[in-house]
Every structure is written in C-alpha cells, then in structure tokens.
Protein backbone atom coordinates (compact mmCIF):
# COMPACT_ATOMS: atom_id res chain seq x y z
CA MET A 1 0.79 -35.52 -16.20
CA LYS A 2 3.50 -32.87 -16.50
CA ASN A 3 5.23 -31.78 -13.32
CA ASP A 4 5.50 -27.96 -13.35
CA LYS A 5 8.60 -27.03 -11.43
CA GLN A 6 8.55 -23.80 -9.47
CA THR A 7 11.88 -22.52 -8.22
CA ILE A 8 12.16 -19.26 -6.32
CA PHE A 9 15.51 -17.50 -5.79
CA ARG A 10 15.65 -15.13 -2.78
CA ASN A 11 18.18 -12.79 -1.23
CA PRO A 12 16.25 -11.45 1.80
CA GLN A 13 17.16 -7.92 2.86
CA SER A 14 17.44 -9.24 6.42
CA MET A 15 20.50 -11.33 5.36
CA PRO A 16 24.01 -10.29 4.25
CA PRO A 17 24.36 -9.35 0.56
CA ALA A 18 25.05 -12.29 -1.74
CA ASN A 19 27.83 -11.88 -4.30
CA GLY A 20 27.56 -14.42 -7.09
CA TYR A 21 25.20 -16.80 -5.33
CA THR A 22 21.66 -16.84 -3.94
CA GLN A 23 21.03 -17.01 -0.19
CA VAL A 24 17.81 -19.06 -0.44
CA VAL A 25 16.49 -21.27 -3.24
CA GLU A 26 13.03 -22.72 -2.72
CA VAL A 27 11.81 -25.56 -4.91
CA ARG A 28 8.09 -26.17 -4.73
CA ASN A 29 7.82 -28.97 -7.24
CA GLY A 30 10.06 -31.06 -9.44
CA ARG A 31 12.44 -33.96 -9.55
CA THR A 32 15.75 -33.62 -7.70
CA ILE A 33 19.04 -34.63 -9.29
CA TYR A 34 22.11 -35.03 -7.06
CA VAL A 35 25.48 -34.97 -8.82
CA SER A 36 28.33 -36.53 -6.85
CA GLY A 37 31.46 -34.51 -6.31
CA GLN A 38 33.25 -34.17 -9.63
CA VAL A 39 37.00 -33.87 -10.05
CA ALA A 40 39.29 -33.01 -12.96
CA MET A 41 39.25 -36.36 -14.74
CA ASN A 42 38.21 -36.74 -18.36
CA GLN A 43 35.97 -39.54 -19.63
CA ASN A 44 39.05 -41.77 -20.01
CA GLY A 45 39.90 -41.36 -16.31
CA LYS A 46 42.92 -39.14 -17.00
CA LEU A 47 43.74 -36.12 -14.82
CA VAL A 48 43.20 -32.83 -16.66
CA GLY A 49 45.31 -29.78 -15.77
CA PRO A 50 47.88 -30.98 -13.24
CA GLY A 51 48.73 -27.99 -11.04
CA ASP A 52 46.33 -25.72 -13.00
CA LEU A 53 43.21 -24.72 -11.03
CA ALA A 54 41.55 -23.04 -14.03
CA ALA A 55 41.96 -26.10 -16.27
CA GLN A 56 40.77 -28.41 -13.50
CA THR A 57 37.75 -26.23 -12.78
CA ARG A 58 36.72 -26.19 -16.45
CA GLN A 59 36.96 -29.99 -16.58
CA VAL A 60 34.91 -30.32 -13.40
CA PHE A 61 32.17 -28.10 -14.85
CA GLU A 62 32.22 -30.11 -18.09
CA ASN A 63 31.78 -33.30 -16.03
CA ILE A 64 28.86 -31.73 -14.17
CA LYS A 65 27.37 -30.59 -17.49
CA ALA A 66 27.53 -34.17 -18.79
CA ALA A 67 25.93 -35.50 -15.60
CA LEU A 68 23.12 -32.95 -15.81
CA GLU A 69 22.49 -33.68 -19.49
CA SER A 70 22.24 -37.39 -18.71
CA SER A 71 19.20 -36.52 -16.56
CA GLY A 72 17.69 -34.13 -19.10
CA VAL A 73 18.54 -30.94 -17.23
CA SER A 74 21.11 -28.15 -17.56
CA PHE A 75 22.97 -25.61 -15.46
CA ASN A 76 19.81 -23.48 -15.57
CA ASP A 77 18.27 -26.13 -13.30
CA VAL A 78 21.10 -26.17 -10.72
CA VAL A 79 19.91 -24.91 -7.34
CA LYS A 80 22.99 -25.70 -5.20
CA LEU A 81 26.73 -26.02 -5.74
CA THR A 82 29.27 -27.07 -3.13
CA PHE A 83 32.94 -26.33 -3.79
CA PHE A 84 35.85 -28.10 -2.12
CA VAL A 85 39.15 -26.36 -2.92
CA THR A 86 42.67 -26.82 -1.66
CA ASP A 87 43.37 -23.05 -1.77
CA ILE A 88 40.39 -20.79 -1.01
CA ALA A 89 42.53 -17.74 -1.89
CA GLN A 90 42.14 -18.78 -5.55
CA MET A 91 38.34 -18.91 -5.39
CA GLN A 92 37.99 -15.99 -7.84
CA ILE A 93 39.40 -18.24 -10.59
CA VAL A 94 36.67 -20.75 -9.80
CA ARG A 95 33.94 -18.07 -9.71
CA ASP A 96 34.96 -16.66 -13.08
CA ILE A 97 34.70 -20.09 -14.71
CA ARG A 98 31.50 -20.92 -12.81
CA ASP A 99 29.88 -17.77 -14.23
CA SER A 100 30.34 -19.08 -17.78
CA TYR A 101 28.20 -22.11 -16.87
CA VAL A 102 25.52 -21.08 -14.35
CA ASN A 103 22.60 -18.71 -14.66
CA THR A 104 24.17 -15.53 -13.24
CA LYS A 105 20.78 -13.79 -13.06
CA ASN A 106 19.59 -16.43 -10.59
CA PRO A 107 22.78 -18.13 -9.42
CA PRO A 108 22.49 -21.29 -7.35
CA ALA A 109 22.89 -21.37 -3.60
CA SER A 110 26.56 -22.15 -2.93
CA SER A 111 29.07 -23.16 -0.29
CA ALA A 112 32.86 -23.18 -0.55
CA VAL A 113 35.12 -25.12 1.76
CA GLU A 114 38.92 -25.20 1.86
CA VAL A 115 40.26 -28.71 2.42
CA SER A 116 43.80 -29.88 3.09
CA LYS A 117 43.57 -32.43 0.28
CA LEU A 118 41.14 -34.33 -1.88
CA VAL A 119 40.97 -38.04 -2.71
CA ASN A 120 43.97 -37.68 -5.04
CA GLU A 121 46.86 -35.36 -4.17
CA HIS A 122 46.79 -33.88 -7.70
CA PHE A 123 43.16 -32.72 -7.48
CA LEU A 124 42.82 -29.02 -6.64
CA ILE A 125 39.01 -28.84 -6.69
CA GLU A 126 35.89 -30.96 -6.35
CA ILE A 127 32.36 -29.70 -6.96
CA GLU A 128 29.01 -31.33 -6.26
CA ALA A 129 25.67 -30.10 -7.60
CA ILE A 130 21.97 -30.38 -6.95
CA ALA A 131 19.52 -29.64 -9.76
CA VAL A 132 15.74 -29.70 -10.02
CA GLY A 133 14.04 -30.75 -13.24
CA GLU A 134 10.49 -31.29 -14.33
C-alpha cells in the first residue's frame, strides 16, 4: 500500500512575516527522515573550505543532499532545517546558498543559532535536516 504524504506549509497572518522560511509545516502522513548535523567534511573526511563560510556551506548542503538521496528523498521533502553558525552576521551567505537547494516556493521551517564553536574549531557551520518521504 502506498503512503500518500500530505505536507502543508503555512504562514498564518496572525504571526510575524516569514522571510525565506515557513512558520508552520504540518505533515499528515509519511515517513520521517532525520539527518544528523552535517559539517564541511568531504566523503574522505577532509575539511572543505577552511575559513570560507560559503565553501563550507556548499559542502554541508552537498552532504545533506547525499544523506537525503540515501533515503530516497530530496530537498523538496525537507520540512525543517536547523543552522548552527559561528557568526550569525554572515547568515545571508548561508541563505543565498540554501536557496539554490531548497524549494523556495515552500521553504522548510528553519531555526538559526549562533554558537561560540562547533566540534572542530575549523568548522564555521553545521546544519541538521528533517525530511518527510512517502
């Protein structure tokens, strides 16, 4: 039996305007995929883009893309992203790269948190994702 996923993206008028994300994502059916926080390491375990937030962000999104594909889903199925960055003032760099991956018509719910450091002092960003597939 096929599981028909139903995902509803809402930005209620009773809430502040959402810029680049959705305030509420409701999933009525489907299988949930949780992607652990990804950092800027390639498949050989080597740091990508030392000191370069844009390069690190692209690598992180490529890692998330690979994780999603391993479960048979894509960025179109992502309902939530959580960003951990060491400099929130540079978040626009992250958003610009994010927009080349996610569905910008119905962007996922999102949170961004500035942290003093990540698990490795050279990491500038970590992103975790939640997706819903059929």
